[in-house]
Amino acid sequence: NVFCKDRETPLMIGSVKSNIGHAEPASGFGQIAKVKQ
């Protein structure tokens, strides 16, 4: 609803949980580490 309406190029979407699982309260920092290394 926010990013993909009238969008000209595809938006890639992922989740680090597919690689390392869900670290629950600490999961957000796994996402930062994945995206920015």
PDB file of all heavy atoms in Angstrom:
ATOM      1  N   ASN A   1       0.813  -1.214   0.000  1.00  0.00           N
ATOM      2  CA  ASN A   1       0.000   0.000   0.000  1.00  0.00           C
ATOM      3  C   ASN A   1       0.848   1.267   0.000  1.00  0.00           C
ATOM      4  O   ASN A   1       0.479   2.274  -0.614  1.00  0.00           O
ATOM      5  CB  ASN A   1      -0.928   0.008   1.219  1.00  0.00           C
ATOM      6  CG  ASN A   1      -2.025  -1.037   1.121  1.00  0.00           C
ATOM      7  OD1 ASN A   1      -2.407  -1.440   0.023  1.00  0.00           O
ATOM      8  ND2 ASN A   1      -2.517  -1.497   2.266  1.00  0.00           N
ATOM      9  N   VAL A   2       1.996   1.224   0.672  1.00  0.00           N
ATOM     10  CA  VAL A   2       2.816   2.433   0.818  1.00  0.00           C
ATOM     11  C   VAL A   2       3.847   2.565  -0.296  1.00  0.00           C
ATOM     12  O   VAL A   2       4.108   3.668  -0.788  1.00  0.00           O
ATOM     13  CB  VAL A   2       3.516   2.446   2.192  1.00  0.00           C
ATOM     14  CG1 VAL A   2       4.435   3.652   2.322  1.00  0.00           C
ATOM     15  CG2 VAL A   2       2.489   2.443   3.321  1.00  0.00           C
ATOM     16  N   PHE A   3       4.449   1.445  -0.732  1.00  0.00           N
ATOM     17  CA  PHE A   3       5.597   1.525  -1.634  1.00  0.00           C
ATOM     18  C   PHE A   3       5.335   1.069  -3.074  1.00  0.00           C
ATOM     19  O   PHE A   3       6.090   1.441  -3.972  1.00  0.00           O
ATOM     20  CB  PHE A   3       6.753   0.685  -1.080  1.00  0.00           C
ATOM     21  CG  PHE A   3       7.250   1.130   0.254  1.00  0.00           C
ATOM     22  CD1 PHE A   3       6.972   0.386   1.390  1.00  0.00           C
ATOM     23  CD2 PHE A   3       7.991   2.290   0.390  1.00  0.00           C
ATOM     24  CE1 PHE A   3       7.425   0.786   2.634  1.00  0.00           C
ATOM     25  CE2 PHE A   3       8.454   2.697   1.630  1.00  0.00           C
ATOM     26  CZ  PHE A   3       8.168   1.954   2.756  1.00  0.00           C
ATOM     27  N   CYS A   4       4.331   0.266  -3.283  1.00  0.00           N
ATOM     28  CA  CYS A   4       4.245  -0.425  -4.568  1.00  0.00           C
ATOM     29  C   CYS A   4       3.156   0.077  -5.508  1.00  0.00           C
ATOM     30  O   CYS A   4       3.113  -0.342  -6.668  1.00  0.00           O
ATOM     31  CB  CYS A   4       4.064  -1.923  -4.329  1.00  0.00           C
ATOM     32  SG  CYS A   4       5.446  -2.669  -3.439  1.00  0.00           S
ATOM     33  N   LYS A   5       2.293   0.945  -5.072  1.00  0.00           N
ATOM     34  CA  LYS A   5       1.277   1.484  -5.972  1.00  0.00           C
ATOM     35  C   LYS A   5       1.912   2.520  -6.899  1.00  0.00           C
ATOM     36  O   LYS A   5       2.619   3.425  -6.454  1.00  0.00           O
ATOM     37  CB  LYS A   5       0.141   2.106  -5.162  1.00  0.00           C
ATOM     38  CG  LYS A   5      -0.694   1.076  -4.404  1.00  0.00           C
ATOM     39  CD  LYS A   5      -1.840   1.720  -3.659  1.00  0.00           C
ATOM     40  CE  LYS A   5      -2.701   0.665  -2.968  1.00  0.00           C
ATOM     41  NZ  LYS A   5      -3.826   1.274  -2.209  1.00  0.00           N
ATOM     42  N   ASP A   6       1.665   2.366  -8.188  1.00  0.00           N
ATOM     43  CA  ASP A   6       2.217   3.261  -9.218  1.00  0.00           C
ATOM     44  C   ASP A   6       3.742   3.234  -9.239  1.00  0.00           C
ATOM     45  O   ASP A   6       4.383   4.208  -9.647  1.00  0.00           O
ATOM     46  CB  ASP A   6       1.739   4.709  -8.994  1.00  0.00           C
ATOM     47  CG  ASP A   6       0.225   4.825  -9.007  1.00  0.00           C
ATOM     48  OD1 ASP A   6      -0.410   4.167  -9.850  1.00  0.00           O
ATOM     49  OD2 ASP A   6      -0.320   5.577  -8.174  1.00  0.00           O
ATOM     50  N   ARG A   7       4.332   2.160  -8.807  1.00  0.00           N
ATOM     51  CA  ARG A   7       5.782   2.029  -8.827  1.00  0.00           C
ATOM     52  C   ARG A   7       6.243   1.505 -10.176  1.00  0.00           C
ATOM     53  O   ARG A   7       5.658   0.567 -10.723  1.00  0.00           O
ATOM     54  CB  ARG A   7       6.229   1.083  -7.699  1.00  0.00           C
ATOM     55  CG  ARG A   7       7.731   0.988  -7.534  1.00  0.00           C
ATOM     56  CD  ARG A   7       8.098   0.038  -6.401  1.00  0.00           C
ATOM     57  NE  ARG A   7       9.533  -0.079  -6.277  1.00  0.00           N
ATOM     58  CZ  ARG A   7      10.280   0.717  -5.514  1.00  0.00           C
ATOM     59  NH1 ARG A   7       9.707   1.659  -4.816  1.00  0.00           N
ATOM     60  NH2 ARG A   7      11.584   0.552  -5.468  1.00  0.00           N
ATOM     61  N   GLU A   8       7.303   2.091 -10.729  1.00  0.00           N
ATOM     62  CA  GLU A   8       7.776   1.718 -12.060  1.00  0.00           C
ATOM     63  C   GLU A   8       8.778   0.571 -12.022  1.00  0.00           C
ATOM     64  O   GLU A   8       8.942  -0.151 -13.007  1.00  0.00           O
ATOM     65  CB  GLU A   8       8.398   2.932 -12.747  1.00  0.00           C
ATOM     66  CG  GLU A   8       7.388   4.061 -13.010  1.00  0.00           C
ATOM     67  CD  GLU A   8       8.025   5.234 -13.720  1.00  0.00           C
ATOM     68  OE1 GLU A   8       9.260   5.171 -13.962  1.00  0.00           O
ATOM     69  OE2 GLU A   8       7.314   6.201 -14.025  1.00  0.00           O
ATOM     70  N   THR A   9       9.483   0.400 -10.903  1.00  0.00           N
ATOM     71  CA  THR A   9      10.473  -0.673 -10.782  1.00  0.00           C
ATOM     72  C   THR A   9      10.098  -1.589  -9.624  1.00  0.00           C
ATOM     73  O   THR A   9       9.472  -1.149  -8.649  1.00  0.00           O
ATOM     74  CB  THR A   9      11.882  -0.101 -10.539  1.00  0.00           C
ATOM     75  OG1 THR A   9      11.863   0.710  -9.348  1.00  0.00           O
ATOM     76  CG2 THR A   9      12.335   0.747 -11.714  1.00  0.00           C
ATOM     77  N   PRO A  10      10.481  -2.857  -9.689  1.00  0.00           N
ATOM     78  CA  PRO A  10      10.140  -3.791  -8.600  1.00  0.00           C
ATOM     79  C   PRO A  10      10.812  -3.384  -7.289  1.00  0.00           C
ATOM     80  O   PRO A  10      11.916  -2.831  -7.287  1.00  0.00           O
ATOM     81  CB  PRO A  10      10.684  -5.131  -9.101  1.00  0.00           C
ATOM     82  CG  PRO A  10      10.844  -4.965 -10.573  1.00  0.00           C
ATOM     83  CD  PRO A  10      11.174  -3.528 -10.793  1.00  0.00           C
ATOM     84  N   LEU A  11      10.144  -3.653  -6.186  1.00  0.00           N
ATOM     85  CA  LEU A  11      10.720  -3.459  -4.853  1.00  0.00           C
ATOM     86  C   LEU A  11      11.096  -4.823  -4.297  1.00  0.00           C
ATOM     87  O   LEU A  11      10.237  -5.680  -4.095  1.00  0.00           O
ATOM     88  CB  LEU A  11       9.722  -2.775  -3.915  1.00  0.00           C
ATOM     89  CG  LEU A  11      10.161  -2.613  -2.462  1.00  0.00           C
ATOM     90  CD1 LEU A  11      11.371  -1.684  -2.355  1.00  0.00           C
ATOM     91  CD2 LEU A  11       9.014  -2.118  -1.588  1.00  0.00           C
ATOM     92  N   MET A  12      12.381  -5.025  -4.080  1.00  0.00           N
ATOM     93  CA  MET A  12      12.836  -6.290  -3.506  1.00  0.00           C
ATOM     94  C   MET A  12      12.541  -6.310  -2.009  1.00  0.00           C
ATOM     95  O   MET A  12      12.745  -5.310  -1.318  1.00  0.00           O
ATOM     96  CB  MET A  12      14.326  -6.480  -3.762  1.00  0.00           C
ATOM     97  CG  MET A  12      14.680  -6.649  -5.221  1.00  0.00           C
ATOM     98  SD  MET A  12      16.446  -6.938  -5.485  1.00  0.00           S
ATOM     99  CE  MET A  12      17.093  -5.307  -5.090  1.00  0.00           C
ATOM    100  N   ILE A  13      12.070  -7.430  -1.505  1.00  0.00           N
ATOM    101  CA  ILE A  13      11.697  -7.585  -0.098  1.00  0.00           C
ATOM    102  C   ILE A  13      12.342  -8.859   0.435  1.00  0.00           C
ATOM    103  O   ILE A  13      12.347  -9.889  -0.233  1.00  0.00           O
ATOM    104  CB  ILE A  13      10.169  -7.672   0.076  1.00  0.00           C
ATOM    105  CG1 ILE A  13       9.488  -6.419  -0.494  1.00  0.00           C
ATOM    106  CG2 ILE A  13       9.799  -7.837   1.544  1.00  0.00           C
ATOM    107  CD1 ILE A  13       7.986  -6.523  -0.531  1.00  0.00           C
ATOM    108  N   GLY A  14      12.877  -8.790   1.637  1.00  0.00           N
ATOM    109  CA  GLY A  14      13.472  -9.973   2.245  1.00  0.00           C
ATOM    110  C   GLY A  14      13.401  -9.916   3.757  1.00  0.00           C
ATOM    111  O   GLY A  14      12.970  -8.917   4.341  1.00  0.00           O
ATOM    112  N   SER A  15      13.828 -10.985   4.383  1.00  0.00           N
ATOM    113  CA  SER A  15      13.892 -11.064   5.842  1.00  0.00           C
ATOM    114  C   SER A  15      15.058 -11.955   6.235  1.00  0.00           C
ATOM    115  O   SER A  15      15.162 -13.088   5.760  1.00  0.00           O
ATOM    116  CB  SER A  15      12.591 -11.626   6.427  1.00  0.00           C
ATOM    117  OG  SER A  15      12.735 -11.905   7.804  1.00  0.00           O
ATOM    118  N   VAL A  16      15.917 -11.447   7.099  1.00  0.00           N
ATOM    119  CA  VAL A  16      17.090 -12.211   7.534  1.00  0.00           C
ATOM    120  C   VAL A  16      16.689 -13.487   8.275  1.00  0.00           C
ATOM    121  O   VAL A  16      17.482 -14.415   8.404  1.00  0.00           O
ATOM    122  CB  VAL A  16      18.003 -11.328   8.410  1.00  0.00           C
ATOM    123  CG1 VAL A  16      17.375 -11.103   9.788  1.00  0.00           C
ATOM    124  CG2 VAL A  16      19.395 -11.937   8.541  1.00  0.00           C
ATOM    125  N   LYS A  17      15.468 -13.568   8.721  1.00  0.00           N
ATOM    126  CA  LYS A  17      15.006 -14.751   9.456  1.00  0.00           C
ATOM    127  C   LYS A  17      15.015 -16.011   8.596  1.00  0.00           C
ATOM    128  O   LYS A  17      15.034 -17.117   9.119  1.00  0.00           O
ATOM    129  CB  LYS A  17      13.615 -14.483  10.033  1.00  0.00           C
ATOM    130  CG  LYS A  17      13.604 -13.354  11.052  1.00  0.00           C
ATOM    131  CD  LYS A  17      12.200 -13.006  11.505  1.00  0.00           C
ATOM    132  CE  LYS A  17      12.212 -11.796  12.423  1.00  0.00           C
ATOM    133  NZ  LYS A  17      12.653 -10.567  11.742  1.00  0.00           N
ATOM    134  N   SER A  18      14.990 -15.836   7.272  1.00  0.00           N
ATOM    135  CA  SER A  18      15.081 -17.006   6.397  1.00  0.00           C
ATOM    136  C   SER A  18      16.473 -17.634   6.449  1.00  0.00           C
ATOM    137  O   SER A  18      16.650 -18.788   6.065  1.00  0.00           O
ATOM    138  CB  SER A  18      14.751 -16.613   4.953  1.00  0.00           C
ATOM    139  OG  SER A  18      15.699 -15.679   4.461  1.00  0.00           O
ATOM    140  N   ASN A  19      17.463 -16.880   6.945  1.00  0.00           N
ATOM    141  CA  ASN A  19      18.835 -17.378   7.045  1.00  0.00           C
ATOM    142  C   ASN A  19      19.214 -17.803   8.461  1.00  0.00           C
ATOM    143  O   ASN A  19      19.871 -18.825   8.649  1.00  0.00           O
ATOM    144  CB  ASN A  19      19.829 -16.312   6.577  1.00  0.00           C
ATOM    145  CG  ASN A  19      19.596 -15.876   5.152  1.00  0.00           C
ATOM    146  OD1 ASN A  19      18.966 -14.854   4.913  1.00  0.00           O
ATOM    147  ND2 ASN A  19      20.085 -16.654   4.204  1.00  0.00           N
ATOM    148  N   ILE A  20      18.815 -17.002   9.453  1.00  0.00           N
ATOM    149  CA  ILE A  20      19.287 -17.249  10.817  1.00  0.00           C
ATOM    150  C   ILE A  20      18.166 -17.535  11.809  1.00  0.00           C
ATOM    151  O   ILE A  20      18.445 -17.772  12.985  1.00  0.00           O
ATOM    152  CB  ILE A  20      20.136 -16.063  11.335  1.00  0.00           C
ATOM    153  CG1 ILE A  20      19.284 -14.789  11.438  1.00  0.00           C
ATOM    154  CG2 ILE A  20      21.343 -15.842  10.434  1.00  0.00           C
ATOM    155  CD1 ILE A  20      20.002 -13.627  12.109  1.00  0.00           C
ATOM    156  N   GLY A  21      16.918 -17.491  11.362  1.00  0.00           N
ATOM    157  CA  GLY A  21      15.822 -17.660  12.295  1.00  0.00           C
ATOM    158  C   GLY A  21      15.450 -16.339  12.958  1.00  0.00           C
ATOM    159  O   GLY A  21      15.962 -15.279  12.604  1.00  0.00           O
ATOM    160  N   HIS A  22      14.574 -16.424  13.937  1.00  0.00           N
ATOM    161  CA  HIS A  22      14.016 -15.236  14.589  1.00  0.00           C
ATOM    162  C   HIS A  22      14.636 -15.071  15.972  1.00  0.00           C
ATOM    163  O   HIS A  22      14.421 -15.892  16.865  1.00  0.00           O
ATOM    164  CB  HIS A  22      12.498 -15.389  14.695  1.00  0.00           C
ATOM    165  CG  HIS A  22      11.790 -14.171  15.180  1.00  0.00           C
ATOM    166  ND1 HIS A  22      12.396 -12.941  15.323  1.00  0.00           N
ATOM    167  CD2 HIS A  22      10.489 -13.994  15.571  1.00  0.00           C
ATOM    168  CE1 HIS A  22      11.519 -12.068  15.767  1.00  0.00           C
ATOM    169  NE2 HIS A  22      10.355 -12.683  15.925  1.00  0.00           N
ATOM    170  N   ALA A  23      15.402 -14.012  16.145  1.00  0.00           N
ATOM    171  CA  ALA A  23      16.043 -13.740  17.440  1.00  0.00           C
ATOM    172  C   ALA A  23      15.158 -12.913  18.358  1.00  0.00           C
ATOM    173  O   ALA A  23      15.651 -12.337  19.334  1.00  0.00           O
ATOM    174  CB  ALA A  23      17.383 -13.041  17.221  1.00  0.00           C
ATOM    175  N   GLU A  24      13.892 -12.803  18.021  1.00  0.00           N
ATOM    176  CA  GLU A  24      12.877 -12.168  18.860  1.00  0.00           C
ATOM    177  C   GLU A  24      13.307 -10.766  19.330  1.00  0.00           C
ATOM    178  O   GLU A  24      13.414  -9.873  18.477  1.00  0.00           O
ATOM    179  CB  GLU A  24      12.496 -13.133  19.988  1.00  0.00           C
ATOM    180  CG  GLU A  24      11.775 -14.360  19.422  1.00  0.00           C
ATOM    181  CD  GLU A  24      11.930 -15.618  20.254  1.00  0.00           C
ATOM    182  OE1 GLU A  24      12.585 -15.591  21.298  1.00  0.00           O
ATOM    183  OE2 GLU A  24      11.404 -16.670  19.838  1.00  0.00           O
ATOM    184  N   PRO A  25      13.594 -10.491  20.612  1.00  0.00           N
ATOM    185  CA  PRO A  25      13.896  -9.098  20.998  1.00  0.00           C
ATOM    186  C   PRO A  25      15.133  -8.519  20.333  1.00  0.00           C
ATOM    187  O   PRO A  25      15.262  -7.301  20.214  1.00  0.00           O
ATOM    188  CB  PRO A  25      14.077  -9.188  22.516  1.00  0.00           C
ATOM    189  CG  PRO A  25      14.427 -10.609  22.784  1.00  0.00           C
ATOM    190  CD  PRO A  25      13.657 -11.393  21.776  1.00  0.00           C
ATOM    191  N   ALA A  26      16.061  -9.358  19.876  1.00  0.00           N
ATOM    192  CA  ALA A  26      17.289  -8.881  19.239  1.00  0.00           C
ATOM    193  C   ALA A  26      17.233  -8.956  17.717  1.00  0.00           C
ATOM    194  O   ALA A  26      18.225  -8.681  17.046  1.00  0.00           O
ATOM    195  CB  ALA A  26      18.485  -9.687  19.750  1.00  0.00           C
ATOM    196  N   SER A  27      16.091  -9.297  17.160  1.00  0.00           N
ATOM    197  CA  SER A  27      16.014  -9.566  15.721  1.00  0.00           C
ATOM    198  C   SER A  27      16.287  -8.338  14.871  1.00  0.00           C
ATOM    199  O   SER A  27      16.803  -8.446  13.756  1.00  0.00           O
ATOM    200  CB  SER A  27      14.639 -10.144  15.372  1.00  0.00           C
ATOM    201  OG  SER A  27      13.602  -9.242  15.723  1.00  0.00           O
ATOM    202  N   GLY A  28      15.938  -7.149  15.367  1.00  0.00           N
ATOM    203  CA  GLY A  28      16.134  -5.931  14.590  1.00  0.00           C
ATOM    204  C   GLY A  28      17.583  -5.675  14.226  1.00  0.00           C
ATOM    205  O   GLY A  28      17.885  -5.174  13.137  1.00  0.00           O
ATOM    206  N   PHE A  29      18.497  -6.041  15.111  1.00  0.00           N
ATOM    207  CA  PHE A  29      19.916  -5.792  14.836  1.00  0.00           C
ATOM    208  C   PHE A  29      20.477  -6.797  13.837  1.00  0.00           C
ATOM    209  O   PHE A  29      21.436  -6.510  13.130  1.00  0.00           O
ATOM    210  CB  PHE A  29      20.717  -5.820  16.134  1.00  0.00           C
ATOM    211  CG  PHE A  29      20.517  -4.588  16.977  1.00  0.00           C
ATOM    212  CD1 PHE A  29      19.689  -3.564  16.564  1.00  0.00           C
ATOM    213  CD2 PHE A  29      21.170  -4.452  18.190  1.00  0.00           C
ATOM    214  CE1 PHE A  29      19.495  -2.431  17.337  1.00  0.00           C
ATOM    215  CE2 PHE A  29      20.990  -3.322  18.965  1.00  0.00           C
ATOM    216  CZ  PHE A  29      20.145  -2.307  18.536  1.00  0.00           C
ATOM    217  N   GLY A  30      19.865  -7.987  13.769  1.00  0.00           N
ATOM    218  CA  GLY A  30      20.230  -8.924  12.719  1.00  0.00           C
ATOM    219  C   GLY A  30      19.866  -8.373  11.355  1.00  0.00           C
ATOM    220  O   GLY A  30      20.590  -8.566  10.368  1.00  0.00           O
ATOM    221  N   GLN A  31      18.746  -7.653  11.287  1.00  0.00           N
ATOM    222  CA  GLN A  31      18.329  -7.028  10.035  1.00  0.00           C
ATOM    223  C   GLN A  31      19.311  -5.935   9.617  1.00  0.00           C
ATOM    224  O   GLN A  31      19.677  -5.829   8.443  1.00  0.00           O
ATOM    225  CB  GLN A  31      16.922  -6.443  10.202  1.00  0.00           C
ATOM    226  CG  GLN A  31      15.852  -7.498  10.441  1.00  0.00           C
ATOM    227  CD  GLN A  31      14.526  -6.871  10.790  1.00  0.00           C
ATOM    228  OE1 GLN A  31      14.371  -6.258  11.843  1.00  0.00           O
ATOM    229  NE2 GLN A  31      13.555  -7.009   9.902  1.00  0.00           N
ATOM    230  N   ILE A  32      19.756  -5.127  10.578  1.00  0.00           N
ATOM    231  CA  ILE A  32      20.721  -4.073  10.270  1.00  0.00           C
ATOM    232  C   ILE A  32      22.034  -4.674   9.789  1.00  0.00           C
ATOM    233  O   ILE A  32      22.627  -4.220   8.809  1.00  0.00           O
ATOM    234  CB  ILE A  32      20.956  -3.185  11.515  1.00  0.00           C
ATOM    235  CG1 ILE A  32      19.686  -2.394  11.845  1.00  0.00           C
ATOM    236  CG2 ILE A  32      22.127  -2.234  11.284  1.00  0.00           C
ATOM    237  CD1 ILE A  32      19.786  -1.592  13.125  1.00  0.00           C
ATOM    238  N   ALA A  33      22.488  -5.718  10.472  1.00  0.00           N
ATOM    239  CA  ALA A  33      23.747  -6.362  10.090  1.00  0.00           C
ATOM    240  C   ALA A  33      23.665  -6.945   8.679  1.00  0.00           C
ATOM    241  O   ALA A  33      24.622  -6.871   7.909  1.00  0.00           O
ATOM    242  CB  ALA A  33      24.102  -7.451  11.093  1.00  0.00           C
ATOM    243  N   LYS A  34      22.513  -7.513   8.346  1.00  0.00           N
ATOM    244  CA  LYS A  34      22.344  -8.088   7.007  1.00  0.00           C
ATOM    245  C   LYS A  34      22.399  -7.012   5.930  1.00  0.00           C
ATOM    246  O   LYS A  34      23.118  -7.147   4.938  1.00  0.00           O
ATOM    247  CB  LYS A  34      21.015  -8.832   6.925  1.00  0.00           C
ATOM    248  CG  LYS A  34      20.668  -9.276   5.500  1.00  0.00           C
ATOM    249  CD  LYS A  34      19.237  -9.763   5.397  1.00  0.00           C
ATOM    250  CE  LYS A  34      18.847  -9.973   3.934  1.00  0.00           C
ATOM    251  NZ  LYS A  34      17.447 -10.415   3.797  1.00  0.00           N
ATOM    252  N   VAL A  35      21.634  -5.940   6.121  1.00  0.00           N
ATOM    253  CA  VAL A  35      21.502  -4.935   5.071  1.00  0.00           C
ATOM    254  C   VAL A  35      22.771  -4.098   4.914  1.00  0.00           C
ATOM    255  O   VAL A  35      23.220  -3.820   3.815  1.00  0.00           O
ATOM    256  CB  VAL A  35      20.294  -4.025   5.349  1.00  0.00           C
ATOM    257  CG1 VAL A  35      20.213  -2.900   4.338  1.00  0.00           C
ATOM    258  CG2 VAL A  35      19.005  -4.839   5.323  1.00  0.00           C
ATOM    259  N   LYS A  36      23.367  -3.725   6.008  1.00  0.00           N
ATOM    260  CA  LYS A  36      24.505  -2.820   5.948  1.00  0.00           C
ATOM    261  C   LYS A  36      25.852  -3.504   6.146  1.00  0.00           C
ATOM    262  O   LYS A  36      26.888  -2.929   5.841  1.00  0.00           O
ATOM    263  CB  LYS A  36      24.348  -1.722   7.012  1.00  0.00           C
ATOM    264  CG  LYS A  36      23.182  -0.789   6.737  1.00  0.00           C
ATOM    265  CD  LYS A  36      23.367  -0.052   5.425  1.00  0.00           C
ATOM    266  CE  LYS A  36      22.236   0.935   5.195  1.00  0.00           C
ATOM    267  NZ  LYS A  36      22.365   1.634   3.910  1.00  0.00           N
ATOM    268  N   GLN A  37      25.834  -4.686   6.707  1.00  0.00           N
ATOM    269  CA  GLN A  37      27.071  -5.399   7.011  1.00  0.00           C
ATOM    270  C   GLN A  37      28.016  -4.494   7.809  1.00  0.00           C
ATOM    271  O   GLN A  37      29.184  -4.276   7.460  1.00  0.00           O
ATOM    272  CB  GLN A  37      27.755  -5.877   5.730  1.00  0.00           C
ATOM    273  CG  GLN A  37      26.927  -6.866   4.948  1.00  0.00           C
ATOM    274  CD  GLN A  37      27.606  -7.356   3.689  1.00  0.00           C
ATOM    275  OE1 GLN A  37      28.715  -6.967   3.377  1.00  0.00           O
ATOM    276  NE2 GLN A  37      26.936  -8.216   2.965  1.00  0.00           N
TER     277      GLN A  37
END
